[in-house]
Amino acid sequence: MGIHPSASLGSQFRTPFGFSFYRNNMESFWNALALALSKKSEKNYGNYDCTVWVGALEHGVYGKKVMNWPDGTRTLERAHRLSYMLDKRILKENLPRFSPNGDLLDISHLCHNPKCIKPEHLILESHSINIERIFCRRTKQCTNNHLPCCLI
């Protein structure tokens, strides 16, 4: 049995996305993520100009994608979280999970569309504000004067 020609190049060429090559070339990682997200989304002009995930769904609601990270880990991630990370150029391990006062942080949809991955519709905010936004959607008005305002 011979050695595959790419074996001499190391493990960096194992998969088409998320291999060790990205540790030294993060722009390639972000470009590959942008391409992967664009292949599984489409514009929805009737709903606040959302960019809607058309790939696999988690519980029929949120877009999901298997991610191979530059550090070699592999996780199942929500598509809107990946879009937010791509827009801010922030890796999962650097994404804040808690506010300075200890509140859990969520990536909220200002448009109230859980399939939307448009960065302009996503914001990192406390879990309690994210929950408050549910009432905005139900009443069709931004009830607590959130900044930025909900897209109603």
Protein backbone atom coordinates (compact mmCIF):
# COMPACT_ATOMS: atom_id res chain seq x y z
CA MET A 1 0.00 0.00 0.00
CA GLY A 2 1.43 3.35 -1.00
CA ILE A 3 1.19 6.67 0.75
CA HIS A 4 -1.34 9.11 -0.64
CA PRO A 5 0.39 12.07 -2.37
CA SER A 6 -1.19 14.58 0.01
CA ALA A 7 0.13 12.72 3.07
CA SER A 8 3.44 14.53 2.83
CA LEU A 9 1.58 17.81 3.12
CA GLY A 10 0.37 16.94 6.61
CA SER A 11 -3.14 16.81 7.98
CA GLN A 12 -4.04 20.23 6.62
CA PHE A 13 -5.64 18.75 3.49
CA ARG A 14 -7.99 16.22 5.13
CA THR A 15 -11.25 18.01 4.47
CA PRO A 16 -12.33 20.91 2.27
CA PHE A 17 -13.34 23.09 5.23
CA GLY A 18 -11.94 23.71 8.69
CA PHE A 19 -8.53 22.07 8.56
CA SER A 20 -5.34 23.17 10.27
CA PHE A 21 -4.36 25.34 7.29
CA TYR A 22 -6.81 27.94 8.61
CA ARG A 23 -4.84 28.40 11.83
CA ASN A 24 -2.38 30.50 9.86
CA ASN A 25 -4.76 31.83 7.24
CA MET A 26 -7.93 33.09 8.91
CA GLU A 27 -9.08 35.11 5.89
CA SER A 28 -9.38 31.83 3.97
CA PHE A 29 -11.44 30.42 6.84
CA TRP A 30 -13.82 33.41 6.78
CA ASN A 31 -14.09 33.25 2.96
CA ALA A 32 -14.92 29.54 3.11
CA LEU A 33 -17.56 30.18 5.80
CA ALA A 34 -19.10 33.01 3.73
CA LEU A 35 -19.29 30.71 0.72
CA ALA A 36 -20.84 27.88 2.76
CA LEU A 37 -23.49 30.21 4.21
CA SER A 38 -24.31 31.76 0.84
CA LYS A 39 -24.83 28.33 -0.74
CA LYS A 40 -27.53 27.51 1.84
CA SER A 41 -29.38 30.84 1.94
CA GLU A 42 -31.50 33.05 -0.28
CA LYS A 43 -32.95 36.55 -0.20
CA ASN A 44 -36.54 36.90 0.97
CA TYR A 45 -37.67 40.32 -0.19
CA GLY A 46 -41.13 40.06 1.34
CA ASN A 47 -39.89 39.75 4.93
CA TYR A 48 -37.77 42.79 5.87
CA ASP A 49 -35.19 41.82 3.23
CA CYS A 50 -34.15 38.82 5.29
CA THR A 51 -31.52 36.41 4.06
CA VAL A 52 -33.16 33.09 4.88
CA TRP A 53 -31.37 29.83 5.62
CA VAL A 54 -32.62 27.08 3.30
CA GLY A 55 -30.34 24.31 4.57
CA ALA A 56 -30.91 21.89 7.44
CA LEU A 57 -32.99 23.05 10.41
CA GLU A 58 -32.70 22.43 14.12
CA HIS A 59 -36.13 21.46 15.51
CA GLY A 60 -37.65 22.87 12.31
CA VAL A 61 -36.83 26.42 13.38
CA TYR A 62 -33.18 27.52 13.37
CA GLY A 63 -30.75 26.86 10.54
CA LYS A 64 -27.96 24.49 11.48
CA LYS A 65 -24.58 23.63 10.03
CA VAL A 66 -21.76 21.30 11.02
CA MET A 67 -18.65 23.42 11.52
CA ASN A 68 -15.04 22.37 11.37
CA TRP A 69 -13.15 25.01 13.35
CA PRO A 70 -9.54 26.08 12.79
CA ASP A 71 -8.53 24.40 16.06
CA GLY A 72 -9.69 21.03 14.69
CA THR A 73 -12.94 20.77 16.67
CA ARG A 74 -16.21 19.93 14.95
CA THR A 75 -19.55 21.18 16.27
CA LEU A 76 -23.15 21.66 15.18
CA GLU A 77 -23.89 25.40 15.11
CA ARG A 78 -26.91 27.55 14.43
CA ALA A 79 -26.60 29.33 11.10
CA HIS A 80 -27.48 32.78 12.46
CA ARG A 81 -24.70 32.48 15.05
CA LEU A 82 -22.23 31.60 12.30
CA SER A 83 -23.39 34.59 10.27
CA TYR A 84 -22.90 36.89 13.26
CA MET A 85 -19.42 35.46 13.91
CA LEU A 86 -18.52 35.86 10.24
CA ASP A 87 -19.68 39.48 10.19
CA LYS A 88 -17.73 40.35 13.34
CA ARG A 89 -14.77 38.05 12.43
CA ILE A 90 -14.96 36.46 15.84
CA LEU A 91 -14.44 32.75 16.51
CA LYS A 92 -16.80 30.77 18.72
CA GLU A 93 -14.33 30.62 21.61
CA ASN A 94 -14.05 34.43 21.58
CA LEU A 95 -17.79 35.10 21.36
CA PRO A 96 -18.92 36.44 24.76
CA ARG A 97 -21.41 34.14 26.52
CA PHE A 98 -22.06 36.47 29.47
CA SER A 99 -22.38 40.24 29.85
CA PRO A 100 -20.16 42.10 32.35
CA ASN A 101 -22.98 41.87 34.93
CA GLY A 102 -23.32 38.10 34.43
CA ASP A 103 -26.39 37.94 32.14
CA LEU A 104 -26.44 35.17 29.55
CA LEU A 105 -25.96 36.59 26.04
CA ASP A 106 -27.95 35.54 22.95
CA ILE A 107 -27.75 36.48 19.31
CA SER A 108 -31.21 37.95 18.75
CA HIS A 109 -33.14 38.37 15.51
CA LEU A 110 -34.39 41.93 15.17
CA CYS A 111 -36.68 40.70 12.38
CA HIS A 112 -38.12 37.88 14.53
CA ASN A 113 -37.34 35.37 11.76
CA PRO A 114 -35.36 32.46 13.25
CA LYS A 115 -34.22 31.37 9.78
CA CYS A 116 -32.74 34.79 8.97
CA ILE A 117 -28.95 34.99 8.78
CA LYS A 118 -28.64 38.60 7.57
CA PRO A 119 -26.00 40.23 9.82
CA GLU A 120 -27.88 43.54 9.94
CA HIS A 121 -30.81 41.70 11.56
CA LEU A 122 -28.67 40.06 14.27
CA ILE A 123 -27.50 41.52 17.57
CA LEU A 124 -25.67 40.16 20.60
CA GLU A 125 -27.71 41.06 23.67
CA SER A 126 -28.87 39.70 27.01
CA HIS A 127 -31.15 36.70 27.09
CA SER A 128 -33.75 38.74 28.99
CA ILE A 129 -33.95 41.35 26.19
CA ASN A 130 -34.14 38.56 23.62
CA ILE A 131 -37.15 37.16 25.51
CA GLU A 132 -38.73 40.65 25.73
CA ARG A 133 -38.55 40.85 21.95
CA ILE A 134 -41.01 37.93 21.76
CA PHE A 135 -43.68 40.27 23.14
CA CYS A 136 -42.77 42.87 20.50
CA ARG A 137 -43.45 40.29 17.81
CA ARG A 138 -46.77 39.30 19.38
CA THR A 139 -47.99 42.88 19.81
CA LYS A 140 -46.44 44.04 16.50
CA GLN A 141 -44.73 46.99 18.21
CA CYS A 142 -41.44 47.45 20.02
CA THR A 143 -42.88 47.42 23.54
CA ASN A 144 -39.78 48.20 25.60
CA ASN A 145 -38.07 50.76 23.37
CA HIS A 146 -35.22 48.37 22.57
CA LEU A 147 -32.14 49.73 20.89
CA PRO A 148 -31.86 48.83 18.17
CA CYS A 149 -35.60 48.61 17.65
CA CYS A 150 -37.30 45.43 16.56
CA LEU A 151 -38.19 45.18 12.89
CA ILE A 152 -41.97 45.05 13.04
